[in-house]
Amino acid sequence: MTQKDLLYLEDAIGHEDNLIDIWEYYQELLSAQELKNLVKKQIKKHQELKANLLKVMEDTANE
């Protein structure tokens, strides 16, 4: 994996962190449980994406 690829992964992980923070912020503002559940799904989705990106970086580092 090239340095450029690693920088892209770092950026993507940072973007996922930002999205998780944004969704968590809005989750606290909502009062309707149905909307909170929708936001919770988005948080989980972005946490999984971040974990997948981190795994790719770790696998690359271990090669």
PDB file of N, CA and C in Angstrom:
ATOM      1  N   MET A   1       0.862  -1.168   0.000  1.00  0.00           N
ATOM      2  CA  MET A   1       0.000   0.000   0.000  1.00  0.00           C
ATOM      3  C   MET A   1       0.909   1.233   0.000  1.00  0.00           C
ATOM      4  N   THR A   2       0.558   2.186  -0.817  1.00  0.00           N
ATOM      5  CA  THR A   2       1.396   3.376  -0.926  1.00  0.00           C
ATOM      6  C   THR A   2       1.102   4.355   0.205  1.00  0.00           C
ATOM      7  N   GLN A   3       1.989   5.307   0.360  1.00  0.00           N
ATOM      8  CA  GLN A   3       1.798   6.363   1.366  1.00  0.00           C
ATOM      9  C   GLN A   3       0.509   7.136   1.080  1.00  0.00           C
ATOM     10  N   LYS A   4       0.243   7.354  -0.194  1.00  0.00           N
ATOM     11  CA  LYS A   4      -0.981   8.071  -0.574  1.00  0.00           C
ATOM     12  C   LYS A   4      -2.221   7.277  -0.144  1.00  0.00           C
ATOM     13  N   ASP A   5      -2.184   5.967  -0.307  1.00  0.00           N
ATOM     14  CA  ASP A   5      -3.299   5.126   0.126  1.00  0.00           C
ATOM     15  C   ASP A   5      -3.499   5.209   1.638  1.00  0.00           C
ATOM     16  N   LEU A   6      -2.403   5.175   2.386  1.00  0.00           N
ATOM     17  CA  LEU A   6      -2.495   5.272   3.847  1.00  0.00           C
ATOM     18  C   LEU A   6      -3.059   6.617   4.282  1.00  0.00           C
ATOM     19  N   LEU A   7      -2.656   7.679   3.599  1.00  0.00           N
ATOM     20  CA  LEU A   7      -3.202   9.006   3.919  1.00  0.00           C
ATOM     21  C   LEU A   7      -4.691   9.057   3.618  1.00  0.00           C
ATOM     22  N   TYR A   8      -5.103   8.422   2.535  1.00  0.00           N
ATOM     23  CA  TYR A   8      -6.526   8.366   2.217  1.00  0.00           C
ATOM     24  C   TYR A   8      -7.284   7.640   3.328  1.00  0.00           C
ATOM     25  N   LEU A   9      -6.749   6.514   3.790  1.00  0.00           N
ATOM     26  CA  LEU A   9      -7.401   5.771   4.868  1.00  0.00           C
ATOM     27  C   LEU A   9      -7.488   6.607   6.140  1.00  0.00           C
ATOM     28  N   GLU A  10      -6.428   7.323   6.471  1.00  0.00           N
ATOM     29  CA  GLU A  10      -6.457   8.193   7.650  1.00  0.00           C
ATOM     30  C   GLU A  10      -7.540   9.254   7.523  1.00  0.00           C
ATOM     31  N   ASP A  11      -7.653   9.849   6.349  1.00  0.00           N
ATOM     32  CA  ASP A  11      -8.703  10.847   6.116  1.00  0.00           C
ATOM     33  C   ASP A  11     -10.092  10.227   6.254  1.00  0.00           C
ATOM     34  N   ALA A  12     -10.260   9.045   5.670  1.00  0.00           N
ATOM     35  CA  ALA A  12     -11.561   8.374   5.728  1.00  0.00           C
ATOM     36  C   ALA A  12     -11.937   8.048   7.168  1.00  0.00           C
ATOM     37  N   ILE A  13     -10.968   7.609   7.965  1.00  0.00           N
ATOM     38  CA  ILE A  13     -11.228   7.312   9.378  1.00  0.00           C
ATOM     39  C   ILE A  13     -11.621   8.592  10.111  1.00  0.00           C
ATOM     40  N   GLY A  14     -10.935   9.686   9.815  1.00  0.00           N
ATOM     41  CA  GLY A  14     -11.279  10.975  10.417  1.00  0.00           C
ATOM     42  C   GLY A  14     -12.678  11.420  10.054  1.00  0.00           C
ATOM     43  N   HIS A  15     -13.070  11.182   8.803  1.00  0.00           N
ATOM     44  CA  HIS A  15     -14.427  11.540   8.379  1.00  0.00           C
ATOM     45  C   HIS A  15     -15.468  10.696   9.109  1.00  0.00           C
ATOM     46  N   GLU A  16     -15.176   9.419   9.284  1.00  0.00           N
ATOM     47  CA  GLU A  16     -16.100   8.565  10.027  1.00  0.00           C
ATOM     48  C   GLU A  16     -16.219   9.035  11.477  1.00  0.00           C
ATOM     49  N   ASP A  17     -15.106   9.423  12.087  1.00  0.00           N
ATOM     50  CA  ASP A  17     -15.141   9.977  13.447  1.00  0.00           C
ATOM     51  C   ASP A  17     -16.044  11.199  13.516  1.00  0.00           C
ATOM     52  N   ASN A  18     -15.902  12.086  12.540  1.00  0.00           N
ATOM     53  CA  ASN A  18     -16.730  13.291  12.509  1.00  0.00           C
ATOM     54  C   ASN A  18     -18.204  12.950  12.365  1.00  0.00           C
ATOM     55  N   LEU A  19     -18.515  12.002  11.486  1.00  0.00           N
ATOM     56  CA  LEU A  19     -19.915  11.610  11.302  1.00  0.00           C
ATOM     57  C   LEU A  19     -20.489  10.990  12.572  1.00  0.00           C
ATOM     58  N   ILE A  20     -19.695  10.183  13.251  1.00  0.00           N
ATOM     59  CA  ILE A  20     -20.159   9.589  14.506  1.00  0.00           C
ATOM     60  C   ILE A  20     -20.454  10.690  15.523  1.00  0.00           C
ATOM     61  N   ASP A  21     -19.566  11.665  15.637  1.00  0.00           N
ATOM     62  CA  ASP A  21     -19.778  12.779  16.576  1.00  0.00           C
ATOM     63  C   ASP A  21     -21.047  13.557  16.230  1.00  0.00           C
ATOM     64  N   ILE A  22     -21.265  13.815  14.957  1.00  0.00           N
ATOM     65  CA  ILE A  22     -22.444  14.568  14.519  1.00  0.00           C
ATOM     66  C   ILE A  22     -23.715  13.796  14.844  1.00  0.00           C
ATOM     67  N   TRP A  23     -23.751  12.501  14.497  1.00  0.00           N
ATOM     68  CA  TRP A  23     -24.944  11.694  14.771  1.00  0.00           C
ATOM     69  C   TRP A  23     -25.198  11.587  16.271  1.00  0.00           C
ATOM     70  N   GLU A  24     -24.149  11.445  17.073  1.00  0.00           N
ATOM     71  CA  GLU A  24     -24.338  11.376  18.526  1.00  0.00           C
ATOM     72  C   GLU A  24     -24.901  12.682  19.068  1.00  0.00           C
ATOM     73  N   TYR A  25     -24.454  13.808  18.519  1.00  0.00           N
ATOM     74  CA  TYR A  25     -24.964  15.109  18.934  1.00  0.00           C
ATOM     75  C   TYR A  25     -26.467  15.205  18.656  1.00  0.00           C
ATOM     76  N   TYR A  26     -26.854  14.828  17.434  1.00  0.00           N
ATOM     77  CA  TYR A  26     -28.269  14.917  17.079  1.00  0.00           C
ATOM     78  C   TYR A  26     -29.117  13.913  17.842  1.00  0.00           C
ATOM     79  N   GLN A  27     -28.554  12.777  18.179  1.00  0.00           N
ATOM     80  CA  GLN A  27     -29.297  11.789  18.948  1.00  0.00           C
ATOM     81  C   GLN A  27     -29.722  12.355  20.300  1.00  0.00           C
ATOM     82  N   GLU A  28     -28.845  13.148  20.899  1.00  0.00           N
ATOM     83  CA  GLU A  28     -29.167  13.744  22.197  1.00  0.00           C
ATOM     84  C   GLU A  28     -30.237  14.828  22.087  1.00  0.00           C
ATOM     85  N   LEU A  29     -30.339  15.459  20.933  1.00  0.00           N
ATOM     86  CA  LEU A  29     -31.324  16.521  20.754  1.00  0.00           C
ATOM     87  C   LEU A  29     -32.730  16.000  20.490  1.00  0.00           C
ATOM     88  N   LEU A  30     -32.824  14.800  19.987  1.00  0.00           N
ATOM     89  CA  LEU A  30     -34.124  14.258  19.588  1.00  0.00           C
ATOM     90  C   LEU A  30     -34.896  13.725  20.780  1.00  0.00           C
ATOM     91  N   SER A  31     -36.203  13.841  20.683  1.00  0.00           N
ATOM     92  CA  SER A  31     -37.042  13.278  21.734  1.00  0.00           C
ATOM     93  C   SER A  31     -37.877  12.108  21.223  1.00  0.00           C
ATOM     94  N   ALA A  32     -38.149  12.066  19.925  1.00  0.00           N
ATOM     95  CA  ALA A  32     -38.943  10.980  19.351  1.00  0.00           C
ATOM     96  C   ALA A  32     -38.101   9.710  19.274  1.00  0.00           C
ATOM     97  N   GLN A  33     -38.591   8.648  19.887  1.00  0.00           N
ATOM     98  CA  GLN A  33     -37.834   7.400  19.952  1.00  0.00           C
ATOM     99  C   GLN A  33     -37.578   6.823  18.568  1.00  0.00           C
ATOM    100  N   GLU A  34     -38.521   6.957  17.676  1.00  0.00           N
ATOM    101  CA  GLU A  34     -38.346   6.430  16.316  1.00  0.00           C
ATOM    102  C   GLU A  34     -37.160   7.105  15.617  1.00  0.00           C
ATOM    103  N   LEU A  35     -37.040   8.413  15.791  1.00  0.00           N
ATOM    104  CA  LEU A  35     -35.911   9.134  15.198  1.00  0.00           C
ATOM    105  C   LEU A  35     -34.601   8.772  15.891  1.00  0.00           C
ATOM    106  N   LYS A  36     -34.649   8.617  17.208  1.00  0.00           N
ATOM    107  CA  LYS A  36     -33.447   8.220  17.939  1.00  0.00           C
ATOM    108  C   LYS A  36     -32.942   6.866  17.450  1.00  0.00           C
ATOM    109  N   ASN A  37     -33.870   5.947  17.187  1.00  0.00           N
ATOM    110  CA  ASN A  37     -33.486   4.625  16.697  1.00  0.00           C
ATOM    111  C   ASN A  37     -32.836   4.721  15.319  1.00  0.00           C
ATOM    112  N   LEU A  38     -33.366   5.582  14.474  1.00  0.00           N
ATOM    113  CA  LEU A  38     -32.783   5.797  13.153  1.00  0.00           C
ATOM    114  C   LEU A  38     -31.363   6.340  13.272  1.00  0.00           C
ATOM    115  N   VAL A  39     -31.177   7.308  14.146  1.00  0.00           N
ATOM    116  CA  VAL A  39     -29.862   7.903  14.350  1.00  0.00           C
ATOM    117  C   VAL A  39     -28.906   6.869  14.949  1.00  0.00           C
ATOM    118  N   LYS A  40     -29.407   6.049  15.865  1.00  0.00           N
ATOM    119  CA  LYS A  40     -28.576   5.006  16.471  1.00  0.00           C
ATOM    120  C   LYS A  40     -28.052   4.043  15.402  1.00  0.00           C
ATOM    121  N   LYS A  41     -28.896   3.729  14.416  1.00  0.00           N
ATOM    122  CA  LYS A  41     -28.462   2.863  13.315  1.00  0.00           C
ATOM    123  C   LYS A  41     -27.351   3.524  12.509  1.00  0.00           C
ATOM    124  N   GLN A  42     -27.449   4.829  12.304  1.00  0.00           N
ATOM    125  CA  GLN A  42     -26.415   5.548  11.574  1.00  0.00           C
ATOM    126  C   GLN A  42     -25.092   5.545  12.346  1.00  0.00           C
ATOM    127  N   ILE A  43     -25.186   5.725  13.650  1.00  0.00           N
ATOM    128  CA  ILE A  43     -23.980   5.701  14.487  1.00  0.00           C
ATOM    129  C   ILE A  43     -23.312   4.335  14.367  1.00  0.00           C
ATOM    130  N   LYS A  44     -24.093   3.275  14.488  1.00  0.00           N
ATOM    131  CA  LYS A  44     -23.550   1.922  14.397  1.00  0.00           C
ATOM    132  C   LYS A  44     -22.911   1.687  13.030  1.00  0.00           C
ATOM    133  N   LYS A  45     -23.577   2.130  11.983  1.00  0.00           N
ATOM    134  CA  LYS A  45     -23.058   1.955  10.630  1.00  0.00           C
ATOM    135  C   LYS A  45     -21.683   2.612  10.479  1.00  0.00           C
ATOM    136  N   HIS A  46     -21.549   3.835  10.964  1.00  0.00           N
ATOM    137  CA  HIS A  46     -20.289   4.550  10.819  1.00  0.00           C
ATOM    138  C   HIS A  46     -19.203   4.000  11.747  1.00  0.00           C
ATOM    139  N   GLN A  47     -19.594   3.467  12.890  1.00  0.00           N
ATOM    140  CA  GLN A  47     -18.623   2.803  13.759  1.00  0.00           C
ATOM    141  C   GLN A  47     -18.079   1.545  13.086  1.00  0.00           C
ATOM    142  N   GLU A  48     -18.959   0.820  12.400  1.00  0.00           N
ATOM    143  CA  GLU A  48     -18.526  -0.380  11.683  1.00  0.00           C
ATOM    144  C   GLU A  48     -17.611  -0.018  10.515  1.00  0.00           C
ATOM    145  N   LEU A  49     -17.954   1.033   9.785  1.00  0.00           N
ATOM    146  CA  LEU A  49     -17.100   1.478   8.687  1.00  0.00           C
ATOM    147  C   LEU A  49     -15.717   1.887   9.191  1.00  0.00           C
ATOM    148  N   LYS A  50     -15.692   2.607  10.305  1.00  0.00           N
ATOM    149  CA  LYS A  50     -14.419   3.023  10.895  1.00  0.00           C
ATOM    150  C   LYS A  50     -13.603   1.802  11.312  1.00  0.00           C
ATOM    151  N   ALA A  51     -14.253   0.833  11.933  1.00  0.00           N
ATOM    152  CA  ALA A  51     -13.562  -0.381  12.362  1.00  0.00           C
ATOM    153  C   ALA A  51     -12.986  -1.131  11.161  1.00  0.00           C
ATOM    154  N   ASN A  52     -13.739  -1.190  10.068  1.00  0.00           N
ATOM    155  CA  ASN A  52     -13.245  -1.855   8.858  1.00  0.00           C
ATOM    156  C   ASN A  52     -12.027  -1.135   8.296  1.00  0.00           C
ATOM    157  N   LEU A  53     -12.063   0.181   8.271  1.00  0.00           N
ATOM    158  CA  LEU A  53     -10.925   0.952   7.772  1.00  0.00           C
ATOM    159  C   LEU A  53      -9.694   0.761   8.658  1.00  0.00           C
ATOM    160  N   LEU A  54      -9.911   0.755   9.965  1.00  0.00           N
ATOM    161  CA  LEU A  54      -8.795   0.521  10.882  1.00  0.00           C
ATOM    162  C   LEU A  54      -8.197  -0.876  10.686  1.00  0.00           C
ATOM    163  N   LYS A  55      -9.059  -1.856  10.427  1.00  0.00           N
ATOM    164  CA  LYS A  55      -8.571  -3.214  10.204  1.00  0.00           C
ATOM    165  C   LYS A  55      -7.696  -3.261   8.952  1.00  0.00           C
ATOM    166  N   VAL A  56      -8.112  -2.576   7.912  1.00  0.00           N
ATOM    167  CA  VAL A  56      -7.309  -2.548   6.678  1.00  0.00           C
ATOM    168  C   VAL A  56      -5.929  -1.947   6.973  1.00  0.00           C
ATOM    169  N   MET A  57      -5.915  -0.862   7.733  1.00  0.00           N
ATOM    170  CA  MET A  57      -4.630  -0.237   8.081  1.00  0.00           C
ATOM    171  C   MET A  57      -3.765  -1.182   8.916  1.00  0.00           C
ATOM    172  N   GLU A  58      -4.374  -1.860   9.880  1.00  0.00           N
ATOM    173  CA  GLU A  58      -3.626  -2.784  10.730  1.00  0.00           C
ATOM    174  C   GLU A  58      -3.086  -3.958   9.919  1.00  0.00           C
ATOM    175  N   ASP A  59      -3.913  -4.486   9.038  1.00  0.00           N
ATOM    176  CA  ASP A  59      -3.479  -5.607   8.197  1.00  0.00           C
ATOM    177  C   ASP A  59      -2.312  -5.188   7.309  1.00  0.00           C
ATOM    178  N   THR A  60      -2.365  -3.980   6.812  1.00  0.00           N
ATOM    179  CA  THR A  60      -1.289  -3.466   5.968  1.00  0.00           C
ATOM    180  C   THR A  60      -0.008  -3.301   6.771  1.00  0.00           C
ATOM    181  N   ALA A  61      -0.143  -2.815   7.993  1.00  0.00           N
ATOM    182  CA  ALA A  61       1.030  -2.610   8.837  1.00  0.00           C
ATOM    183  C   ALA A  61       1.686  -3.930   9.222  1.00  0.00           C
ATOM    184  N   ASN A  62       0.888  -4.989   9.298  1.00  0.00           N
ATOM    185  CA  ASN A  62       1.396  -6.303   9.702  1.00  0.00           C
ATOM    186  C   ASN A  62       1.956  -7.121   8.545  1.00  0.00           C
ATOM    187  N   GLU A  63       1.898  -6.591   7.347  1.00  0.00           N
ATOM    188  CA  GLU A  63       2.408  -7.329   6.178  1.00  0.00           C
ATOM    189  C   GLU A  63       3.911  -7.307   6.133  1.00  0.00           C
TER     190      GLU A  63
END
